[in-house]
N, C-alpha and C. Protein backbone atom coordinates (compact mmCIF):
# COMPACT_ATOMS: atom_id res chain seq x y z
N MET A 1 0.83 -1.18 0.00
CA MET A 1 0.00 0.00 0.00
C MET A 1 0.88 1.24 0.00
N LEU A 2 0.42 2.27 -0.64
CA LEU A 2 1.12 3.54 -0.73
C LEU A 2 1.14 4.21 0.64
N TYR A 3 2.29 4.72 1.04
CA TYR A 3 2.43 5.41 2.30
C TYR A 3 1.71 6.75 2.24
N ILE A 4 0.89 7.02 3.23
CA ILE A 4 0.16 8.29 3.31
C ILE A 4 0.63 9.00 4.57
N PRO A 5 1.24 10.17 4.42
CA PRO A 5 1.70 10.90 5.61
C PRO A 5 0.52 11.62 6.28
N PHE A 6 0.07 11.11 7.40
CA PHE A 6 -1.00 11.75 8.16
C PHE A 6 -0.39 12.77 9.12
N THR A 7 -1.08 13.88 9.33
CA THR A 7 -0.63 14.87 10.30
C THR A 7 -0.96 14.34 11.69
N ASP A 8 -0.32 14.91 12.71
CA ASP A 8 -0.62 14.52 14.08
C ASP A 8 -2.09 14.75 14.40
N GLU A 9 -2.64 15.86 13.88
CA GLU A 9 -4.05 16.18 14.13
C GLU A 9 -4.97 15.10 13.53
N GLN A 10 -4.63 14.62 12.32
CA GLN A 10 -5.43 13.58 11.68
C GLN A 10 -5.38 12.28 12.49
N LYS A 11 -4.21 11.94 12.99
CA LYS A 11 -4.07 10.72 13.79
C LYS A 11 -4.88 10.82 15.08
N ILE A 12 -4.80 11.99 15.73
CA ILE A 12 -5.54 12.21 16.98
C ILE A 12 -7.04 12.15 16.70
N LEU A 13 -7.47 12.80 15.61
CA LEU A 13 -8.88 12.81 15.25
C LEU A 13 -9.38 11.40 14.95
N ALA A 14 -8.61 10.63 14.19
CA ALA A 14 -9.00 9.26 13.86
C ALA A 14 -9.08 8.39 15.11
N ASN A 15 -8.14 8.56 16.01
CA ASN A 15 -8.10 7.74 17.22
C ASN A 15 -9.17 8.13 18.23
N SER A 16 -9.76 9.32 18.06
CA SER A 16 -10.79 9.77 19.00
C SER A 16 -12.20 9.63 18.43
N VAL A 17 -12.34 8.95 17.28
CA VAL A 17 -13.67 8.71 16.70
C VAL A 17 -14.48 7.87 17.69
N ASN A 18 -15.74 8.25 17.88
CA ASN A 18 -16.63 7.52 18.76
C ASN A 18 -16.93 6.16 18.12
N LEU A 19 -16.36 5.11 18.68
CA LEU A 19 -16.51 3.77 18.11
C LEU A 19 -17.95 3.29 18.15
N GLU A 20 -18.69 3.66 19.20
CA GLU A 20 -20.08 3.24 19.29
C GLU A 20 -20.86 3.73 18.08
N GLU A 21 -20.76 5.01 17.77
CA GLU A 21 -21.47 5.60 16.62
C GLU A 21 -20.93 5.03 15.31
N PHE A 22 -19.61 4.95 15.19
CA PHE A 22 -18.98 4.48 13.97
C PHE A 22 -19.44 3.06 13.63
N LEU A 23 -19.45 2.17 14.63
CA LEU A 23 -19.83 0.78 14.39
C LEU A 23 -21.32 0.64 14.10
N ARG A 24 -22.14 1.43 14.77
CA ARG A 24 -23.58 1.40 14.49
C ARG A 24 -23.86 1.82 13.05
N MET A 25 -23.15 2.88 12.59
CA MET A 25 -23.33 3.34 11.21
C MET A 25 -22.94 2.25 10.22
N ARG A 26 -22.02 1.38 10.61
CA ARG A 26 -21.56 0.30 9.74
C ARG A 26 -22.39 -0.97 9.90
N GLY A 27 -23.43 -0.90 10.72
CA GLY A 27 -24.32 -2.05 10.84
C GLY A 27 -23.95 -3.06 11.90
N GLU A 28 -23.01 -2.73 12.75
CA GLU A 28 -22.62 -3.66 13.82
C GLU A 28 -23.67 -3.63 14.94
N LYS A 29 -23.79 -4.74 15.64
CA LYS A 29 -24.75 -4.84 16.74
C LYS A 29 -24.04 -4.54 18.06
N LEU A 30 -24.55 -3.55 18.79
CA LEU A 30 -24.01 -3.19 20.10
C LEU A 30 -25.12 -3.34 21.13
N GLU A 31 -24.74 -3.79 22.31
CA GLU A 31 -25.68 -3.98 23.41
C GLU A 31 -25.21 -3.13 24.58
N ARG A 32 -26.09 -2.30 25.12
CA ARG A 32 -25.72 -1.42 26.23
C ARG A 32 -25.59 -2.23 27.52
N VAL A 33 -24.47 -1.99 28.23
CA VAL A 33 -24.22 -2.63 29.52
C VAL A 33 -23.67 -1.54 30.43
N GLY A 34 -24.53 -0.96 31.26
CA GLY A 34 -24.10 0.16 32.11
C GLY A 34 -23.74 1.35 31.25
N ARG A 35 -22.55 1.89 31.45
CA ARG A 35 -22.09 3.05 30.68
C ARG A 35 -21.39 2.63 29.39
N GLU A 36 -21.18 1.34 29.22
CA GLU A 36 -20.45 0.85 28.06
C GLU A 36 -21.38 0.10 27.12
N HIS A 37 -20.82 -0.33 26.01
CA HIS A 37 -21.54 -1.16 25.05
C HIS A 37 -20.70 -2.40 24.78
N LYS A 38 -21.39 -3.52 24.58
CA LYS A 38 -20.71 -4.75 24.16
C LYS A 38 -20.92 -4.91 22.67
N LEU A 39 -19.85 -5.24 21.98
CA LEU A 39 -19.95 -5.54 20.56
C LEU A 39 -20.36 -7.01 20.44
N ILE A 40 -21.48 -7.25 19.76
CA ILE A 40 -21.98 -8.61 19.59
C ILE A 40 -21.69 -9.03 18.15
N TYR A 41 -20.97 -10.13 17.98
CA TYR A 41 -20.73 -10.63 16.64
C TYR A 41 -20.67 -12.15 16.66
N TYR A 42 -20.85 -12.72 15.51
CA TYR A 42 -20.86 -14.17 15.36
C TYR A 42 -19.81 -14.58 14.35
N ASP A 43 -19.19 -15.72 14.61
CA ASP A 43 -18.29 -16.31 13.63
C ASP A 43 -18.49 -17.82 13.68
N SER A 44 -17.60 -18.57 13.08
CA SER A 44 -17.78 -20.02 13.00
C SER A 44 -17.80 -20.71 14.37
N SER A 45 -17.23 -20.04 15.39
CA SER A 45 -17.22 -20.66 16.71
C SER A 45 -18.39 -20.21 17.59
N GLY A 46 -19.28 -19.35 17.06
CA GLY A 46 -20.46 -18.96 17.82
C GLY A 46 -20.56 -17.47 18.08
N ARG A 47 -21.31 -17.14 19.14
CA ARG A 47 -21.57 -15.75 19.52
C ARG A 47 -20.46 -15.22 20.41
N HIS A 48 -20.06 -13.97 20.17
CA HIS A 48 -19.01 -13.36 20.97
C HIS A 48 -19.48 -12.02 21.51
N ASP A 49 -19.13 -11.74 22.77
CA ASP A 49 -19.50 -10.45 23.37
C ASP A 49 -18.47 -9.99 24.40
N SER A 50 -17.21 -10.35 24.17
CA SER A 50 -16.17 -10.02 25.16
C SER A 50 -15.57 -8.63 24.95
N ILE A 51 -15.96 -7.93 23.87
CA ILE A 51 -15.38 -6.62 23.59
C ILE A 51 -16.32 -5.53 24.08
N THR A 52 -15.83 -4.70 25.00
CA THR A 52 -16.63 -3.57 25.48
C THR A 52 -16.07 -2.28 24.87
N ILE A 53 -17.00 -1.36 24.60
CA ILE A 53 -16.64 -0.10 23.96
C ILE A 53 -17.23 1.04 24.76
N HIS A 54 -16.42 2.06 24.98
CA HIS A 54 -16.87 3.27 25.66
C HIS A 54 -16.26 4.46 24.93
N GLY A 55 -17.08 5.15 24.16
CA GLY A 55 -16.57 6.28 23.38
C GLY A 55 -15.60 5.81 22.33
N SER A 56 -14.37 6.30 22.41
CA SER A 56 -13.36 5.93 21.41
C SER A 56 -12.42 4.83 21.90
N THR A 57 -12.70 4.28 23.06
CA THR A 57 -11.83 3.22 23.60
C THR A 57 -12.56 1.89 23.64
N TRP A 58 -11.80 0.82 23.60
CA TRP A 58 -12.35 -0.53 23.62
C TRP A 58 -11.45 -1.44 24.43
N PHE A 59 -12.01 -2.56 24.87
CA PHE A 59 -11.21 -3.55 25.59
C PHE A 59 -11.78 -4.93 25.30
N ASP A 60 -10.92 -5.85 24.91
CA ASP A 60 -11.30 -7.24 24.67
C ASP A 60 -10.95 -8.02 25.94
N HIS A 61 -11.97 -8.36 26.73
CA HIS A 61 -11.75 -9.00 28.02
C HIS A 61 -11.20 -10.41 27.88
N LYS A 62 -11.52 -11.09 26.80
CA LYS A 62 -11.03 -12.45 26.60
C LYS A 62 -9.53 -12.46 26.36
N ASN A 63 -9.05 -11.53 25.52
CA ASN A 63 -7.63 -11.52 25.16
C ASN A 63 -6.82 -10.48 25.91
N GLN A 64 -7.48 -9.70 26.79
CA GLN A 64 -6.81 -8.71 27.62
C GLN A 64 -6.03 -7.69 26.79
N VAL A 65 -6.66 -7.17 25.72
CA VAL A 65 -6.06 -6.10 24.91
C VAL A 65 -7.11 -5.03 24.70
N GLY A 66 -6.66 -3.84 24.44
CA GLY A 66 -7.58 -2.74 24.19
C GLY A 66 -6.82 -1.54 23.67
N GLY A 67 -7.53 -0.41 23.54
CA GLY A 67 -6.88 0.80 23.07
C GLY A 67 -7.87 1.75 22.44
N GLY A 68 -7.38 2.50 21.49
CA GLY A 68 -8.18 3.50 20.80
C GLY A 68 -8.79 2.95 19.52
N ALA A 69 -9.43 3.87 18.78
CA ALA A 69 -10.16 3.49 17.58
C ALA A 69 -9.26 2.89 16.50
N ILE A 70 -8.06 3.45 16.33
CA ILE A 70 -7.16 2.93 15.28
C ILE A 70 -6.77 1.49 15.59
N LYS A 71 -6.39 1.23 16.81
CA LYS A 71 -5.98 -0.13 17.18
C LYS A 71 -7.16 -1.10 17.05
N PHE A 72 -8.37 -0.62 17.34
CA PHE A 72 -9.55 -1.46 17.18
C PHE A 72 -9.68 -1.92 15.73
N MET A 73 -9.57 -0.98 14.79
CA MET A 73 -9.69 -1.31 13.37
C MET A 73 -8.58 -2.29 12.94
N GLN A 74 -7.39 -2.09 13.49
CA GLN A 74 -6.27 -2.98 13.15
C GLN A 74 -6.50 -4.38 13.71
N GLU A 75 -6.91 -4.47 14.96
CA GLU A 75 -7.08 -5.77 15.62
C GLU A 75 -8.32 -6.50 15.14
N PHE A 76 -9.46 -5.81 15.14
CA PHE A 76 -10.72 -6.48 14.89
C PHE A 76 -11.02 -6.69 13.41
N TYR A 77 -10.62 -5.75 12.58
CA TYR A 77 -10.88 -5.86 11.14
C TYR A 77 -9.62 -6.16 10.34
N ASP A 78 -8.51 -6.40 11.04
CA ASP A 78 -7.25 -6.79 10.40
C ASP A 78 -6.81 -5.79 9.33
N MET A 79 -6.92 -4.50 9.65
CA MET A 79 -6.51 -3.44 8.72
C MET A 79 -5.10 -2.97 9.07
N ASP A 80 -4.39 -2.46 8.07
CA ASP A 80 -3.12 -1.82 8.37
C ASP A 80 -3.40 -0.41 8.88
N PHE A 81 -2.39 0.25 9.41
CA PHE A 81 -2.55 1.58 10.00
C PHE A 81 -3.14 2.57 9.01
N GLN A 82 -2.62 2.59 7.78
CA GLN A 82 -3.07 3.55 6.77
C GLN A 82 -4.57 3.40 6.50
N THR A 83 -5.00 2.18 6.26
CA THR A 83 -6.41 1.91 5.95
C THR A 83 -7.29 2.25 7.14
N ALA A 84 -6.84 1.89 8.35
CA ALA A 84 -7.63 2.16 9.55
C ALA A 84 -7.86 3.66 9.72
N VAL A 85 -6.82 4.47 9.55
CA VAL A 85 -6.95 5.92 9.70
C VAL A 85 -7.88 6.48 8.62
N GLN A 86 -7.72 6.02 7.40
CA GLN A 86 -8.59 6.49 6.31
C GLN A 86 -10.05 6.14 6.59
N GLU A 87 -10.31 4.95 7.06
CA GLU A 87 -11.67 4.53 7.39
C GLU A 87 -12.27 5.43 8.47
N LEU A 88 -11.51 5.64 9.52
CA LEU A 88 -12.01 6.43 10.64
C LEU A 88 -12.23 7.89 10.28
N LEU A 89 -11.43 8.40 9.35
CA LEU A 89 -11.59 9.79 8.92
C LEU A 89 -12.64 9.92 7.81
N GLY A 90 -13.18 8.79 7.36
CA GLY A 90 -14.21 8.82 6.32
C GLY A 90 -13.65 9.03 4.93
N GLN A 91 -12.35 8.86 4.74
CA GLN A 91 -11.73 9.04 3.43
C GLN A 91 -11.88 7.79 2.57
N ARG A 92 -12.27 6.70 3.19
CA ARG A 92 -12.39 5.44 2.47
C ARG A 92 -13.44 4.62 3.20
N VAL A 93 -14.24 3.91 2.45
CA VAL A 93 -15.23 3.03 3.07
C VAL A 93 -15.11 1.67 2.42
N THR A 94 -14.63 0.72 3.20
CA THR A 94 -14.51 -0.64 2.72
C THR A 94 -15.52 -1.50 3.48
N PRO A 95 -16.05 -2.52 2.84
CA PRO A 95 -16.96 -3.41 3.57
C PRO A 95 -16.22 -4.02 4.75
N LEU A 96 -16.80 -3.93 5.92
CA LEU A 96 -16.16 -4.47 7.11
C LEU A 96 -16.49 -5.94 7.25
N SER A 97 -15.47 -6.74 7.35
CA SER A 97 -15.68 -8.16 7.58
C SER A 97 -14.89 -8.53 8.82
N HIS A 98 -15.56 -9.23 9.68
CA HIS A 98 -14.91 -9.61 10.94
C HIS A 98 -13.80 -10.60 10.69
N SER A 99 -12.69 -10.34 11.31
CA SER A 99 -11.65 -11.35 11.38
C SER A 99 -11.37 -11.49 12.86
N PRO A 100 -11.10 -12.69 13.32
CA PRO A 100 -10.87 -12.83 14.75
C PRO A 100 -9.68 -11.98 15.16
N PRO A 101 -9.74 -11.37 16.35
CA PRO A 101 -8.59 -10.59 16.81
C PRO A 101 -7.32 -11.44 16.71
N LYS A 102 -6.21 -10.79 16.41
CA LYS A 102 -4.95 -11.49 16.17
C LYS A 102 -4.56 -12.39 17.33
N ALA A 103 -4.86 -11.95 18.55
CA ALA A 103 -4.48 -12.73 19.72
C ALA A 103 -5.16 -14.10 19.70
N ILE A 104 -6.39 -14.18 19.17
CA ILE A 104 -7.09 -15.45 19.11
C ILE A 104 -6.43 -16.37 18.09
N ALA A 105 -6.09 -15.81 16.94
CA ALA A 105 -5.50 -16.63 15.88
C ALA A 105 -4.18 -17.25 16.32
N LYS A 106 -3.40 -16.55 17.13
CA LYS A 106 -2.09 -17.03 17.54
C LYS A 106 -2.14 -17.84 18.83
N GLU A 107 -3.30 -17.84 19.48
CA GLU A 107 -3.41 -18.44 20.80
C GLU A 107 -3.24 -19.95 20.75
N GLU A 108 -2.32 -20.46 21.53
CA GLU A 108 -2.13 -21.89 21.68
C GLU A 108 -2.01 -22.18 23.16
N LYS A 109 -2.67 -23.21 23.60
CA LYS A 109 -2.58 -23.59 25.00
C LYS A 109 -1.25 -24.28 25.24
N LYS A 110 -0.47 -23.73 26.15
CA LYS A 110 0.79 -24.37 26.52
C LYS A 110 0.59 -25.10 27.84
N GLU A 111 1.28 -26.19 27.98
CA GLU A 111 1.23 -26.93 29.23
C GLU A 111 2.03 -26.15 30.27
N PHE A 112 1.45 -25.98 31.45
CA PHE A 112 2.12 -25.22 32.51
C PHE A 112 3.20 -26.09 33.13
N ARG A 113 4.43 -25.55 33.18
CA ARG A 113 5.55 -26.23 33.81
C ARG A 113 6.30 -25.26 34.70
N LEU A 114 6.60 -25.69 35.89
CA LEU A 114 7.41 -24.88 36.79
C LEU A 114 8.87 -24.94 36.34
N PRO A 115 9.61 -23.85 36.53
CA PRO A 115 11.05 -23.89 36.23
C PRO A 115 11.74 -24.92 37.13
N GLN A 116 12.82 -25.50 36.63
CA GLN A 116 13.56 -26.51 37.40
C GLN A 116 14.18 -25.85 38.63
N ALA A 117 14.06 -26.51 39.75
CA ALA A 117 14.56 -25.98 41.02
C ALA A 117 16.07 -26.18 41.15
N ASN A 118 16.74 -25.23 41.79
CA ASN A 118 18.16 -25.34 42.10
C ASN A 118 18.30 -26.24 43.33
N THR A 119 19.50 -26.72 43.57
CA THR A 119 19.71 -27.61 44.72
C THR A 119 19.68 -26.86 46.05
N ASN A 120 19.88 -25.53 46.00
CA ASN A 120 19.81 -24.74 47.24
C ASN A 120 19.11 -23.41 46.95
N MET A 121 18.90 -22.63 48.02
CA MET A 121 18.21 -21.34 47.88
C MET A 121 19.06 -20.20 48.43
N HIS A 122 20.38 -20.33 48.37
CA HIS A 122 21.26 -19.33 48.96
C HIS A 122 21.01 -17.92 48.41
N ARG A 123 20.92 -17.79 47.11
CA ARG A 123 20.74 -16.46 46.51
C ARG A 123 19.36 -15.87 46.83
N VAL A 124 18.34 -16.71 46.81
CA VAL A 124 16.99 -16.23 47.13
C VAL A 124 16.92 -15.78 48.58
N TYR A 125 17.46 -16.59 49.49
CA TYR A 125 17.47 -16.19 50.90
C TYR A 125 18.22 -14.87 51.08
N ALA A 126 19.41 -14.77 50.51
CA ALA A 126 20.21 -13.55 50.66
C ALA A 126 19.47 -12.34 50.10
N TYR A 127 18.90 -12.49 48.94
CA TYR A 127 18.20 -11.37 48.31
C TYR A 127 16.99 -10.93 49.14
N LEU A 128 16.16 -11.88 49.53
CA LEU A 128 14.93 -11.53 50.25
C LEU A 128 15.21 -10.98 51.64
N ILE A 129 16.26 -11.47 52.29
CA ILE A 129 16.58 -10.98 53.64
C ILE A 129 17.31 -9.64 53.58
N LYS A 130 18.37 -9.55 52.75
CA LYS A 130 19.21 -8.36 52.74
C LYS A 130 18.66 -7.22 51.90
N GLN A 131 17.98 -7.53 50.79
CA GLN A 131 17.48 -6.48 49.91
C GLN A 131 16.03 -6.12 50.18
N ARG A 132 15.22 -7.12 50.50
CA ARG A 132 13.78 -6.88 50.69
C ARG A 132 13.37 -6.88 52.16
N PHE A 133 14.32 -7.17 53.05
CA PHE A 133 14.10 -7.12 54.49
C PHE A 133 12.93 -7.99 54.96
N ILE A 134 12.83 -9.18 54.37
CA ILE A 134 11.80 -10.13 54.76
C ILE A 134 12.38 -11.07 55.80
N SER A 135 11.61 -11.37 56.80
CA SER A 135 12.04 -12.23 57.90
C SER A 135 12.42 -13.62 57.38
N PRO A 136 13.54 -14.18 57.87
CA PRO A 136 13.94 -15.53 57.47
C PRO A 136 12.86 -16.57 57.78
N ASP A 137 12.08 -16.35 58.86
CA ASP A 137 11.01 -17.29 59.21
C ASP A 137 9.93 -17.35 58.13
N ILE A 138 9.62 -16.21 57.57
CA ILE A 138 8.60 -16.15 56.51
C ILE A 138 9.11 -16.85 55.25
N ILE A 139 10.35 -16.59 54.91
CA ILE A 139 10.94 -17.22 53.73
C ILE A 139 10.97 -18.73 53.91
N SER A 140 11.39 -19.19 55.08
CA SER A 140 11.45 -20.63 55.37
C SER A 140 10.07 -21.27 55.29
N TYR A 141 9.06 -20.57 55.79
CA TYR A 141 7.70 -21.10 55.76
C TYR A 141 7.26 -21.39 54.32
N PHE A 142 7.43 -20.41 53.44
CA PHE A 142 7.01 -20.60 52.05
C PHE A 142 7.89 -21.61 51.31
N ALA A 143 9.17 -21.68 51.67
CA ALA A 143 10.06 -22.67 51.05
C ALA A 143 9.60 -24.09 51.43
N LYS A 144 9.22 -24.28 52.70
CA LYS A 144 8.74 -25.59 53.16
C LYS A 144 7.41 -25.96 52.51
N GLN A 145 6.60 -24.95 52.17
CA GLN A 145 5.32 -25.19 51.50
C GLN A 145 5.51 -25.44 50.00
N HIS A 146 6.74 -25.30 49.52
CA HIS A 146 7.09 -25.44 48.10
C HIS A 146 6.40 -24.38 47.23
N THR A 147 6.19 -23.20 47.81
CA THR A 147 5.61 -22.09 47.04
C THR A 147 6.65 -20.99 46.82
N LEU A 148 7.88 -21.26 47.24
CA LEU A 148 9.01 -20.34 46.99
C LEU A 148 10.26 -21.20 46.84
N TYR A 149 10.98 -20.96 45.75
CA TYR A 149 12.25 -21.66 45.56
C TYR A 149 13.13 -20.88 44.59
N GLU A 150 14.35 -21.37 44.38
CA GLU A 150 15.31 -20.74 43.46
C GLU A 150 15.38 -21.59 42.20
N ASP A 151 15.25 -20.93 41.04
CA ASP A 151 15.32 -21.72 39.79
C ASP A 151 16.78 -22.01 39.45
N LYS A 152 16.98 -23.11 38.77
CA LYS A 152 18.32 -23.61 38.48
C LYS A 152 19.03 -22.78 37.40
N GLU A 153 18.29 -22.36 36.38
CA GLU A 153 18.92 -21.71 35.23
C GLU A 153 19.47 -20.32 35.53
N HIS A 154 18.66 -19.46 36.14
CA HIS A 154 19.08 -18.07 36.35
C HIS A 154 19.15 -17.66 37.83
N HIS A 155 18.85 -18.58 38.73
CA HIS A 155 18.86 -18.32 40.17
C HIS A 155 17.83 -17.26 40.56
N ASN A 156 16.71 -17.21 39.84
CA ASN A 156 15.61 -16.30 40.18
C ASN A 156 14.82 -16.86 41.35
N ALA A 157 14.13 -15.97 42.04
CA ALA A 157 13.18 -16.42 43.05
C ALA A 157 11.90 -16.78 42.30
N VAL A 158 11.37 -17.96 42.57
CA VAL A 158 10.14 -18.41 41.93
C VAL A 158 9.05 -18.48 42.99
N PHE A 159 7.98 -17.71 42.78
CA PHE A 159 6.83 -17.69 43.67
C PHE A 159 5.72 -18.48 42.98
N VAL A 160 5.25 -19.53 43.63
CA VAL A 160 4.30 -20.45 43.02
C VAL A 160 2.89 -20.20 43.57
N GLY A 161 1.93 -20.10 42.66
CA GLY A 161 0.53 -19.99 43.04
C GLY A 161 -0.13 -21.34 42.89
N ILE A 162 -0.83 -21.77 43.94
CA ILE A 162 -1.46 -23.09 43.91
C ILE A 162 -2.97 -22.95 44.02
N ASP A 163 -3.70 -23.97 43.54
CA ASP A 163 -5.15 -23.95 43.66
C ASP A 163 -5.56 -24.56 45.00
N GLU A 164 -6.87 -24.72 45.20
CA GLU A 164 -7.37 -25.22 46.48
C GLU A 164 -6.93 -26.65 46.78
N ASN A 165 -6.48 -27.38 45.76
CA ASN A 165 -6.00 -28.76 45.96
C ASN A 165 -4.48 -28.83 46.10
N GLY A 166 -3.81 -27.70 46.12
CA GLY A 166 -2.37 -27.68 46.25
C GLY A 166 -1.61 -27.90 44.96
N VAL A 167 -2.32 -27.85 43.82
CA VAL A 167 -1.69 -28.05 42.51
C VAL A 167 -1.18 -26.71 41.99
N PRO A 168 0.11 -26.63 41.61
CA PRO A 168 0.63 -25.37 41.07
C PRO A 168 -0.10 -24.97 39.79
N ARG A 169 -0.59 -23.72 39.74
CA ARG A 169 -1.33 -23.22 38.57
C ARG A 169 -0.65 -22.03 37.92
N GLN A 170 0.24 -21.36 38.65
CA GLN A 170 0.96 -20.22 38.08
C GLN A 170 2.25 -20.01 38.86
N ALA A 171 3.18 -19.28 38.24
CA ALA A 171 4.45 -18.97 38.90
C ALA A 171 4.95 -17.62 38.41
N SER A 172 5.58 -16.89 39.32
CA SER A 172 6.20 -15.61 38.96
C SER A 172 7.67 -15.70 39.32
N LYS A 173 8.51 -15.30 38.37
CA LYS A 173 9.95 -15.30 38.62
C LYS A 173 10.40 -13.87 38.83
N ARG A 174 11.26 -13.66 39.82
CA ARG A 174 11.84 -12.35 40.10
C ARG A 174 13.34 -12.50 40.24
N SER A 175 14.06 -11.61 39.60
CA SER A 175 15.51 -11.67 39.63
C SER A 175 16.02 -11.42 41.05
N THR A 176 17.09 -12.10 41.38
CA THR A 176 17.72 -11.90 42.69
C THR A 176 18.91 -10.96 42.59
N ASN A 177 19.15 -10.40 41.40
CA ASN A 177 20.23 -9.41 41.26
C ASN A 177 19.84 -8.11 41.93
N SER A 178 20.79 -7.52 42.64
CA SER A 178 20.47 -6.26 43.31
C SER A 178 20.93 -5.08 42.50
């Protein structure tokens, strides 16, 4: 596509277009929910209503992404920046066809695995006691519960989140470098 130099004012204007009005004019179905609207659309996998819109901003609760009008056109209608700005400024009108947001297309379920544990926790203990001023008793408690340990590869502190059955479901790694 030919590069079109937009002014800062044009970009701001395009990004501040009221998405609720814009989408209604294009025939999209919106459902009012409090002060916001839900975009209702259907595709081969069924009915979707995870995208909320308020003025010129939107948020996709399923994929945890959102932003302004330009990003909406890019994500939801798979448009490039140039086309999205032209559409929002009314310089071009193309038939809108839903394409699943990019995050859905790339989404793959990965098996959750905890990082491999180191044979000791010297660096984690030193970091948490000397840098974060956490009591050694507290650190020992979580280490014995297997919800805190040192990873083997980078010597990070690994904080493990478990479900009600004690099964690890998430982990956060924090560097022990000071």
